[in-house]
Protein backbone atom coordinates (compact mmCIF):
# COMPACT_ATOMS: atom_id res chain seq x y z
CA MET A 1 20.22 37.25 57.56
CA ARG A 2 18.96 34.99 54.56
CA ARG A 3 17.30 31.67 55.17
CA ARG A 4 18.62 28.57 52.86
CA PRO A 5 15.62 26.91 51.12
CA PRO A 6 14.75 23.79 52.62
CA VAL A 7 16.44 20.53 51.26
CA ARG A 8 13.41 19.13 49.43
CA ILE A 9 12.74 22.27 47.66
CA SER A 10 16.74 22.33 46.41
CA LYS A 11 16.53 18.67 45.41
CA PHE A 12 13.19 19.35 43.28
CA LEU A 13 14.78 22.54 41.67
CA CYS A 14 18.00 20.10 40.88
CA VAL A 15 15.57 17.52 39.27
CA ALA A 16 13.47 20.18 37.38
CA TRP A 17 16.48 21.70 35.62
CA ILE A 18 18.02 18.16 34.68
CA LEU A 19 14.66 17.11 32.96
CA VAL A 20 14.87 20.73 31.11
CA PHE A 21 17.99 20.08 30.03
CA ALA A 22 17.38 16.39 28.96
CA GLU A 23 14.31 18.17 26.82
CA ILE A 24 16.23 20.20 25.29
CA GLY A 25 19.02 17.49 24.02
CA ASN A 26 16.05 15.49 22.95
CA ALA A 27 14.85 18.40 20.63
CA ALA A 28 18.20 18.52 18.35
CA PRO A 29 17.76 16.51 15.08
CA THR A 30 19.16 13.13 15.70
CA SER A 31 20.11 10.73 12.92
CA CYS A 32 17.74 7.72 11.43
CA PRO A 33 18.53 4.40 11.83
CA VAL A 34 20.48 2.80 8.67
CA VAL A 35 19.52 -0.55 7.50
CA VAL A 36 21.63 -1.96 4.82
CA ASP A 37 21.71 1.10 1.96
CA THR A 38 18.69 2.56 3.44
CA SER A 39 18.17 5.25 5.94
CA LYS A 40 14.57 5.20 7.38
CA CYS A 41 13.52 8.18 9.47
CA GLU A 42 10.11 8.12 11.52
CA LEU A 43 7.85 10.50 12.98
CA VAL A 44 4.57 10.42 14.88
CA VAL A 45 2.57 13.76 15.29
CA GLY A 46 -0.58 13.19 17.01
CA GLU A 47 -2.75 10.47 15.01
CA THR A 48 -0.38 10.83 12.26
CA ARG A 49 2.84 8.44 11.31
CA VAL A 50 5.24 9.03 8.69
CA VAL A 51 8.10 6.87 7.81
CA VAL A 52 10.62 8.53 4.86
CA ALA A 53 13.07 6.21 3.37
CA ALA A 54 16.06 7.35 1.55
CA SER A 55 18.49 5.06 -0.38
CA ASP A 56 21.86 5.35 -2.09
CA THR A 57 20.63 2.91 -5.04
CA GLY A 58 19.00 4.45 -8.03
CA SER A 59 19.72 8.04 -9.44
CA GLY A 60 18.48 9.50 -6.17
CA SER A 61 14.99 9.42 -4.77
CA PHE A 62 13.17 9.74 -1.68
CA VAL A 63 10.14 7.55 -0.84
CA ILE A 64 7.46 8.19 1.71
CA ASP A 65 7.26 4.52 2.86
CA ALA A 66 4.34 5.11 4.91
CA TRP A 67 1.67 7.90 5.85
CA GLU A 68 -0.95 6.37 8.68
CA ILE A 69 -3.68 8.39 9.94
CA GLY A 70 -5.42 6.98 12.82
CA GLY A 71 -3.67 4.06 12.04
CA VAL A 72 -5.01 3.92 8.32
CA ARG A 73 -2.31 3.65 5.93
CA GLN A 74 -3.19 6.24 3.06
CA LEU A 75 -0.37 5.46 0.58
CA ALA A 76 0.49 2.14 -1.32
CA PRO A 77 3.45 0.55 -0.09
CA GLY A 78 6.93 2.07 -1.37
CA PHE A 79 4.88 4.30 -3.61
CA SER A 80 5.34 8.17 -3.03
CA GLY A 81 8.44 9.83 -3.58
CA LEU A 82 10.70 12.29 -5.41
CA ALA A 83 13.45 11.99 -8.17
CA PHE A 84 15.59 14.21 -10.10
CA ARG A 85 17.39 13.83 -13.19
CA ASP A 86 20.56 15.05 -14.32
CA PHE A 87 20.41 16.01 -18.06
CA SER A 88 23.89 18.19 -18.34
CA THR A 89 26.02 14.82 -18.10
CA SER A 90 26.92 12.21 -20.90
CA SER A 91 24.40 9.60 -21.06
CA GLN A 92 27.61 7.59 -21.62
CA LEU A 93 28.69 8.43 -17.66
CA PRO A 94 26.36 6.49 -15.14
CA VAL A 95 24.96 8.61 -12.78
CA SER A 96 23.61 7.80 -9.21
CA ALA A 97 23.24 9.52 -5.97
CA GLN A 98 25.10 9.23 -2.46
CA LEU A 99 22.75 9.38 0.57
CA GLU A 100 24.68 12.22 2.66
CA VAL A 101 22.12 12.98 5.56
CA ALA A 102 19.22 11.66 7.25
CA THR A 103 17.56 13.56 10.33
CA VAL A 104 14.42 13.57 12.46
CA ASP A 105 13.62 16.34 14.59
CA VAL A 106 10.74 15.50 16.80
CA GLU A 107 10.46 18.97 18.20
CA ALA A 108 10.05 20.52 15.00
CA SER A 109 8.31 17.89 13.42
CA THR A 110 10.30 17.47 10.72
CA ILE A 111 12.29 14.80 8.60
CA SER A 112 15.30 15.92 6.69
CA ILE A 113 16.97 14.07 3.75
CA GLY A 114 20.16 14.83 1.70
CA PHE A 115 21.60 13.46 -1.60
CA ARG A 116 24.83 14.37 -3.41
CA GLU A 117 25.03 13.41 -7.15
CA LEU A 118 27.50 11.03 -8.20
CA VAL A 119 28.74 10.84 -11.74
CA SER A 120 31.01 7.86 -12.61
CA GLY A 121 31.47 7.32 -8.49
CA GLN A 122 32.63 11.21 -8.22
CA PRO A 123 30.71 14.12 -6.51
CA GLY A 124 28.61 15.66 -9.19
CA PRO A 125 27.41 19.39 -9.67
CA PHE A 126 24.12 18.38 -7.97
CA SER A 127 22.84 18.18 -4.56
CA LEU A 128 19.28 17.49 -3.68
CA SER A 129 17.87 18.01 -0.29
CA VAL A 130 14.11 17.68 0.94
CA ASP A 131 12.35 18.87 4.44
CA PHE A 132 9.15 16.71 5.12
CA HIS A 133 7.13 18.52 7.63
CA VAL A 134 4.16 16.57 9.80
CA SER A 135 1.16 18.25 11.18
CA HIS A 136 -1.98 16.75 12.25
CA ASP A 137 -4.95 18.99 13.41
CA GLY A 138 -8.37 17.55 14.38
CA ASP A 139 -9.32 15.44 11.24
CA THR A 140 -6.69 16.88 8.96
CA SER A 141 -3.21 15.42 8.59
CA ALA A 142 -0.82 17.45 6.19
CA LEU A 143 2.77 16.51 4.74
CA ALA A 144 4.69 19.55 3.39
CA ARG A 145 8.00 18.90 1.25
CA THR A 146 10.10 21.34 0.72
CA ILE A 147 12.51 20.35 -2.30
CA THR A 148 15.87 22.25 -2.67
CA VAL A 149 18.21 21.65 -5.82
CA ARG A 150 21.68 23.41 -5.76
CA ASN A 151 24.32 23.34 -8.70
CA ASP A 152 27.58 23.05 -6.53
CA GLY A 153 29.58 23.22 -10.14
CA THR A 154 31.41 25.46 -12.24
CA THR A 155 29.04 25.35 -15.25
CA SER A 156 25.33 25.69 -15.96
CA VAL A 157 23.25 22.74 -15.46
CA VAL A 158 19.89 21.46 -16.54
CA SER A 159 17.73 19.00 -14.27
CA ARG A 160 14.11 17.83 -13.77
CA VAL A 161 12.61 17.16 -10.27
CA TYR A 162 9.52 14.60 -10.25
CA ASP A 163 6.93 14.52 -7.43
CA VAL A 164 5.33 11.26 -7.61
CA MET A 165 1.95 10.01 -6.04
CA ASP A 166 0.01 6.64 -5.36
CA LEU A 167 -2.51 7.33 -2.42
CA ASP A 168 -4.54 4.67 -1.21
CA LEU A 169 -7.28 6.98 0.53
CA GLY A 170 -8.99 5.17 3.54
CA GLY A 171 -6.34 1.92 3.31
CA THR A 172 -7.96 0.85 0.05
CA ALA A 173 -6.38 1.07 -3.45
CA MET A 174 -9.50 1.77 -5.40
CA ASP A 175 -10.70 5.50 -5.27
CA GLU A 176 -13.50 7.03 -6.87
CA SER A 177 -12.15 10.09 -8.70
CA ALA A 178 -8.97 12.19 -9.20
CA PHE A 179 -8.46 15.32 -11.20
CA VAL A 180 -6.00 18.25 -11.74
CA ILE A 181 -7.00 21.94 -11.81
CA PRO A 182 -4.11 23.14 -14.20
CA ASN A 183 -3.70 26.68 -12.70
CA GLY A 184 -1.11 25.72 -10.04
CA PRO A 185 -1.85 22.90 -10.66
CA THR A 186 -3.78 21.47 -7.58
CA ILE A 187 -4.33 17.93 -7.49
CA TYR A 188 -7.49 16.29 -5.96
CA GLN A 189 -8.40 12.85 -4.92
CA SER A 190 -11.43 11.21 -3.23
CA ASP A 191 -12.61 7.75 -2.00
CA GLY A 192 -16.01 9.57 -1.13
CA ALA A 193 -15.33 9.42 2.45
CA THR A 194 -11.55 10.90 2.30
CA LEU A 195 -10.34 13.93 0.63
CA ALA A 196 -7.05 14.55 -0.56
CA GLU A 197 -5.62 17.76 -2.13
CA THR A 198 -2.06 18.81 -3.15
CA ASN A 199 -0.86 22.37 -3.85
CA ILE A 200 2.22 24.18 -4.09
CA ASP A 201 2.72 26.22 -1.24
CA SER A 202 5.54 28.39 -2.73
CA GLY A 203 8.07 28.19 -5.72
CA PRO A 204 7.39 27.81 -9.20
CA ALA A 205 4.17 26.54 -10.85
CA ALA A 206 4.95 22.81 -12.26
CA ASP A 207 6.05 22.60 -15.79
CA GLY A 208 4.03 19.26 -16.03
CA TYR A 209 1.64 17.07 -14.41
CA GLU A 210 -0.40 13.88 -15.08
CA ILE A 211 -3.37 11.66 -13.84
CA ALA A 212 -2.91 8.11 -14.73
CA LEU A 213 -4.52 4.70 -13.58
CA CYS A 214 -2.27 1.65 -12.21
CA PRO A 215 -1.97 -0.60 -13.64
CA PRO A 216 -0.04 0.01 -16.06
CA CYS A 217 1.33 2.16 -13.25
CA ASP A 218 3.75 4.16 -15.57
CA LEU A 219 4.33 7.06 -13.45
CA SER A 220 5.88 4.67 -10.77
CA ASN A 221 8.76 4.15 -13.42
CA LEU A 222 9.91 7.86 -12.71
CA LEU A 223 10.96 6.68 -8.96
CA GLY A 224 13.61 4.45 -10.71
CA ASP A 225 15.86 5.32 -13.81
CA ALA A 226 12.89 6.24 -16.50
CA THR A 227 12.58 9.96 -17.69
CA PHE A 228 9.83 11.22 -19.83
CA ASP A 229 7.59 14.35 -20.05
CA LEU A 230 4.20 14.31 -18.25
CA LEU A 231 1.33 14.47 -20.72
CA ASN A 232 -0.56 17.23 -18.57
CA ILE A 233 -3.53 15.03 -18.41
CA THR A 234 -6.08 16.70 -16.12
CA SER A 235 -8.58 13.32 -15.15
CA VAL A 236 -9.20 9.73 -15.90
CA ALA A 237 -12.57 7.95 -15.31
CA GLY A 238 -12.89 6.20 -12.17
CA PRO A 239 -13.06 4.68 -9.85
CA GLY A 240 -9.31 3.25 -9.73
CA ASP A 241 -6.16 3.04 -8.42
CA PHE A 242 -4.89 6.57 -9.33
CA GLN A 243 -1.50 7.97 -9.59
CA SER A 244 -0.56 11.55 -10.19
CA ALA A 245 2.67 13.45 -10.70
CA LEU A 246 4.03 16.90 -10.98
CA SER A 247 7.29 17.79 -12.52
CA TRP A 248 10.04 20.87 -12.79
CA ASN A 249 12.71 21.90 -15.10
CA GLN A 250 15.45 24.44 -14.24
CA LYS A 251 18.62 25.53 -15.54
CA LEU A 252 20.90 26.32 -12.70
CA ALA A 253 23.96 28.77 -12.78
CA PRO A 254 26.77 27.83 -10.57
CA ALA A 255 25.81 28.35 -6.77
CA GLU A 256 22.37 28.66 -7.98
CA SER A 257 19.62 27.07 -6.35
CA PHE A 258 15.91 25.81 -7.09
CA ASN A 259 13.52 25.21 -4.29
CA VAL A 260 9.79 24.62 -4.24
CA THR A 261 7.26 23.44 -1.27
CA LEU A 262 4.36 21.10 -2.05
CA GLU A 263 1.75 20.16 0.69
CA THR A 264 -0.25 17.28 0.46
CA SER A 265 -3.30 17.32 3.08
CA ILE A 266 -5.78 14.60 4.10
CA VAL A 267 -9.02 14.99 5.46
CA PRO A 268 -10.70 11.56 6.49
CA GLU A 269 -14.22 12.95 6.89
CA PRO A 270 -14.71 15.81 4.70
CA GLU A 271 -18.56 16.09 5.27
CA ALA A 272 -18.04 15.97 9.33
CA GLY A 273 -15.75 19.19 8.67
CA VAL A 274 -18.41 20.94 6.60
CA CYS A 275 -21.36 20.10 9.14
CA ALA A 276 -19.14 21.02 12.05
CA LEU A 277 -18.47 24.45 10.62
CA SER A 278 -21.77 25.08 9.51
CA ALA A 279 -23.08 24.35 13.28
CA VAL A 280 -20.87 26.63 14.65
CA LEU A 281 -21.96 29.46 12.04
CA MET A 282 -25.49 28.63 12.99
CA LEU A 283 -24.92 28.80 16.74
CA LEU A 284 -23.11 32.18 16.11
CA SER A 285 -26.06 33.49 14.30
CA CYS A 286 -28.62 32.53 16.93
CA LYS A 287 -26.31 33.85 19.62
CA ARG A 288 -25.90 37.12 17.77
CA ALA A 289 -29.96 37.23 17.07
CA SER A 290 -30.73 36.74 20.43
CA SER A 291 -28.11 39.48 21.63
CA ARG A 292 -29.67 41.90 19.41
CA THR A 293 -33.20 40.91 20.50
CA ALA A 294 -32.30 41.33 23.95
CA SER A 295 -30.62 44.65 23.68
CA ALA A 296 -33.66 46.07 21.66
CA HIS A 297 -35.96 45.27 24.41
CA SER A 298 -33.62 46.87 27.46
CA ALA A 299 -32.56 49.88 25.37
CA PRO A 300 -35.29 50.77 22.54
CA SER A 301 -34.40 54.15 22.31
CA HIS A 302 -30.87 53.32 20.82
CA ARG A 303 -30.40 53.42 17.31
CA LYS A 304 -30.22 49.85 15.83
CA ARG A 305 -26.74 48.81 14.94
CA PRO A 306 -26.11 47.37 11.25
CA GLU A 307 -26.18 43.38 11.07
CA VAL A 308 -22.92 42.14 10.91
CA ARG A 309 -23.08 38.85 9.14
CA ALA A 310 -20.51 35.98 10.06
CA GLY A 311 -18.22 34.96 7.30
CA THR A 312 -18.58 31.76 5.66
CA GLU A 313 -15.19 30.63 4.53
CA SER A 314 -14.65 27.43 3.38
CA PRO A 315 -12.81 24.75 5.61
CA ARG A 316 -9.28 23.47 4.20
CA ARG A 317 -9.78 20.40 2.32
CA GLY A 318 -6.49 17.49 2.43
CA SER A 319 -3.88 17.58 -0.41
CA ALA A 320 -1.73 14.75 -1.94
CA SER A 321 1.51 14.65 -3.93
CA HIS A 322 3.26 11.62 -3.89
CA GLY A 323 3.74 7.93 -5.66
CA GLY A 324 5.62 4.92 -5.30
CA HIS A 325 6.02 1.35 -6.87
CA ARG A 326 2.91 -1.17 -7.17
CA GLY A 327 3.46 -4.91 -7.04
């Protein structure tokens, strides 16, 4: 005859199952609180806090409202975001955007936001969505943005997507340098103690890029209703309050979509990371040297194995790809 488990054990199992199912429920994406016409989503991962704001006003823009690493804000207030323009509609027709979805998934460390284009108040052919994935590992904080533009219309359409940034590394507006490596392109910015790097992880290379100083803050106008070609400027003299931007032009057939993923990573103390890596490699070399010495003394008749040198892979540095309005 099978013995029944004690009452205490049964109660414990019931409570455990309740907690498991509660945790599963919390892992599902949840809608972000809506304030007036703006939906703000907040996500905290390790020492990184990211707040994304999406508004129905304007022609469709996402703004990273805050990016804090260890309590230090890395972005100018309200100046880092994405915008898209539809060049297929008549200039007489007013184009705006309707916010359709804004969710945060704590389990996946992702904020998802989606817009539907409106032309004269009616749904247009374009939908635009962005998934912001937040990660934090040691001193490095990364923010990946997967941008998707889809043509749900019946004719081919032409559009442009802008990614605009104004990083205030270390919480100060003035940084030492910013430059672009055109092959990619890759954008770097540094304040001496903090390094940011923006890369295109997947998708096509940008059609345009530009580095600028604020003031005059021209690039921030791209997050409003402005439209202009980027000038492929790779650097400007610093120190200064730097802005940068990337852009992509696409012609999409019906049901066709455009995808690109960018990652901006920030390393508050890159020198410390390099020193730590050098120390680890030196320690490994010492251990291997002492091990070879010990084995040589214990077994002198054996043939000496060929020396295997430790790899010197350089650490990943930060990346940054955002922008926003300056007061």
